Amino acid sequence: TALALEHSGKEMSLVFYEILKNNKNPSKAAALIFQALEKRIVESNFKKGCPIAITALESTTHPGIVSETCLKIYNEWIKGFETYLMLCGASLKKANSIAVSLFSLWEGALLLAKLQKSAEPLRLAKKTADLLIKKEFN
């Protein structure tokens, strides 16, 4: 299970990395990430959300290698966004705050999108992410 999680985590990391490396504007990069997540979930008929979330939730009651792997993947994603935001000019504290907030927005939006069978939660979260980022960078 841990190896499968690591593989899925790396696949999503590559999606994020490609978007971040090709976009120097944090608002645009965040919007593209939300669009990629929307495309993924819509094209799967609302079956593919976050490839880690279900296992992460289930593993919290049984600490061990699986929960540690989920936490490691999530922390790597957050750290990647944090580093990107610092390169764009944010302080470490602000970059961490925004990165954690973006992660929370997309995870919650993916869950609601799956439950509602609608991309609307992702679109609303994208707008909130844009406001959050513009507050820091404009």
Protein backbone atom coordinates (compact mmCIF):
# COMPACT_ATOMS: atom_id res chain seq x y z
CA THR A 1 0.00 0.00 0.00
CA ALA A 2 2.79 2.45 0.89
CA LEU A 3 4.48 1.91 -2.48
CA ALA A 4 1.22 2.49 -4.35
CA LEU A 5 0.67 5.68 -2.36
CA GLU A 6 4.19 6.88 -3.11
CA HIS A 7 3.62 6.21 -6.82
CA SER A 8 0.32 8.12 -6.83
CA GLY A 9 1.88 10.93 -4.82
CA LYS A 10 4.73 11.26 -7.31
CA GLU A 11 2.30 11.37 -10.23
CA MET A 12 0.42 14.27 -8.66
CA SER A 13 3.71 15.94 -7.71
CA LEU A 14 4.70 15.90 -11.37
CA VAL A 15 1.43 17.58 -12.35
CA PHE A 16 2.03 20.29 -9.74
CA TYR A 17 5.71 20.66 -10.68
CA GLU A 18 4.99 21.12 -14.39
CA ILE A 19 2.45 23.83 -13.65
CA LEU A 20 4.65 25.64 -11.13
CA LYS A 21 7.84 25.54 -13.20
CA ASN A 22 6.06 27.03 -16.21
CA ASN A 23 4.19 29.81 -14.39
CA LYS A 24 5.85 32.61 -12.50
CA ASN A 25 2.50 34.14 -11.52
CA PRO A 26 1.16 32.42 -8.36
CA SER A 27 -2.47 33.28 -9.14
CA LYS A 28 -2.20 31.77 -12.60
CA ALA A 29 -0.37 28.71 -11.28
CA ALA A 30 -3.01 28.09 -8.61
CA ALA A 31 -5.80 28.51 -11.16
CA LEU A 32 -4.12 25.99 -13.46
CA ILE A 33 -3.78 23.50 -10.63
CA PHE A 34 -7.46 23.80 -9.79
CA GLN A 35 -8.26 23.39 -13.51
CA ALA A 36 -6.09 20.25 -13.68
CA LEU A 37 -7.84 18.82 -10.63
CA GLU A 38 -11.22 19.68 -12.14
CA LYS A 39 -10.30 18.01 -15.42
CA ARG A 40 -9.10 14.89 -13.58
CA ILE A 41 -12.28 14.52 -11.54
CA VAL A 42 -14.72 15.38 -14.34
CA GLU A 43 -13.05 13.07 -16.88
CA SER A 44 -13.27 10.21 -14.36
CA ASN A 45 -16.98 10.86 -13.85
CA PHE A 46 -16.21 12.08 -10.32
CA LYS A 47 -14.36 8.94 -9.30
CA LYS A 48 -10.79 10.33 -9.19
CA GLY A 49 -10.29 12.86 -6.45
CA CYS A 50 -7.09 13.04 -4.46
CA PRO A 51 -5.27 9.71 -4.82
CA ILE A 52 -4.12 9.87 -1.19
CA ALA A 53 -7.13 11.25 0.73
CA ILE A 54 -9.20 8.11 1.35
CA THR A 55 -6.21 6.13 2.58
CA ALA A 56 -4.99 9.08 4.66
CA LEU A 57 -8.35 9.36 6.41
CA GLU A 58 -8.61 5.63 7.05
CA SER A 59 -5.01 5.32 8.27
CA THR A 60 -5.33 7.88 11.05
CA THR A 61 -6.89 5.28 13.36
CA HIS A 62 -3.99 2.87 12.78
CA PRO A 63 -0.71 4.80 12.92
CA GLY A 64 2.08 3.16 10.99
CA ILE A 65 3.82 3.10 7.63
CA VAL A 66 0.67 3.93 5.65
CA SER A 67 -0.27 6.99 7.67
CA GLU A 68 3.39 8.09 7.73
CA THR A 69 3.55 7.75 3.93
CA CYS A 70 0.38 9.83 3.48
CA LEU A 71 1.73 12.53 5.78
CA LYS A 72 5.06 12.51 3.96
CA ILE A 73 3.35 12.97 0.57
CA TYR A 74 1.13 15.77 1.82
CA ASN A 75 4.09 17.50 3.45
CA GLU A 76 6.08 17.24 0.21
CA TRP A 77 3.23 18.83 -1.75
CA ILE A 78 2.90 21.64 0.77
CA LYS A 79 6.68 22.17 0.85
CA GLY A 80 6.73 22.34 -2.96
CA PHE A 81 4.13 25.10 -2.98
CA GLU A 82 5.85 26.85 -0.11
CA THR A 83 9.18 26.87 -1.97
CA TYR A 84 7.50 28.10 -5.15
CA LEU A 85 5.75 30.94 -3.29
CA MET A 86 9.01 31.98 -1.63
CA LEU A 87 10.68 32.10 -5.05
CA CYS A 88 7.82 34.37 -6.09
CA GLY A 89 8.59 36.73 -3.19
CA ALA A 90 6.59 35.55 -0.18
CA SER A 91 8.19 35.26 3.25
CA LEU A 92 8.57 31.75 4.67
CA LYS A 93 5.72 32.32 7.12
CA LYS A 94 3.35 33.68 4.45
CA ALA A 95 4.38 31.02 1.92
CA ASN A 96 3.65 28.26 4.44
CA SER A 97 0.30 29.80 5.34
CA ILE A 98 -0.75 30.09 1.69
CA ALA A 99 0.55 26.61 0.80
CA VAL A 100 -1.36 24.96 3.65
CA SER A 101 -4.47 26.97 2.76
CA LEU A 102 -4.27 26.02 -0.93
CA PHE A 103 -3.82 22.37 -0.03
CA SER A 104 -6.82 22.54 2.32
CA LEU A 105 -8.93 24.28 -0.31
CA TRP A 106 -8.27 21.71 -3.00
CA GLU A 107 -8.67 18.70 -0.71
CA GLY A 108 -12.01 19.96 0.60
CA ALA A 109 -13.18 20.97 -2.86
CA LEU A 110 -12.28 17.55 -4.30
CA LEU A 111 -14.25 15.82 -1.58
CA LEU A 112 -17.32 17.99 -2.14
CA ALA A 113 -17.01 17.66 -5.92
CA LYS A 114 -17.06 13.87 -5.61
CA LEU A 115 -20.02 13.91 -3.24
CA GLN A 116 -22.01 16.44 -5.26
CA LYS A 117 -20.91 15.09 -8.66
CA SER A 118 -20.18 18.68 -9.58
CA ALA A 119 -17.06 20.71 -10.40
CA GLU A 120 -18.57 23.77 -8.73
CA PRO A 121 -16.74 23.29 -5.39
CA LEU A 122 -13.42 23.35 -7.25
CA ARG A 123 -14.41 26.49 -9.13
CA LEU A 124 -15.41 28.24 -5.91
CA ALA A 125 -12.21 27.12 -4.17
CA LYS A 126 -10.21 28.42 -7.14
CA LYS A 127 -11.77 31.87 -6.64
CA THR A 128 -10.94 31.79 -2.94
CA ALA A 129 -7.36 30.74 -3.70
CA ASP A 130 -7.05 33.64 -6.13
CA LEU A 131 -8.20 36.12 -3.47
CA LEU A 132 -5.78 34.66 -0.95
CA ILE A 133 -2.82 34.85 -3.31
CA LYS A 134 -3.64 38.31 -4.65
CA LYS A 135 -3.82 39.61 -1.08
CA GLU A 136 -0.17 38.63 -0.63
CA PHE A 137 1.26 39.37 -4.06
CA ASN A 138 -0.55 42.52 -5.23
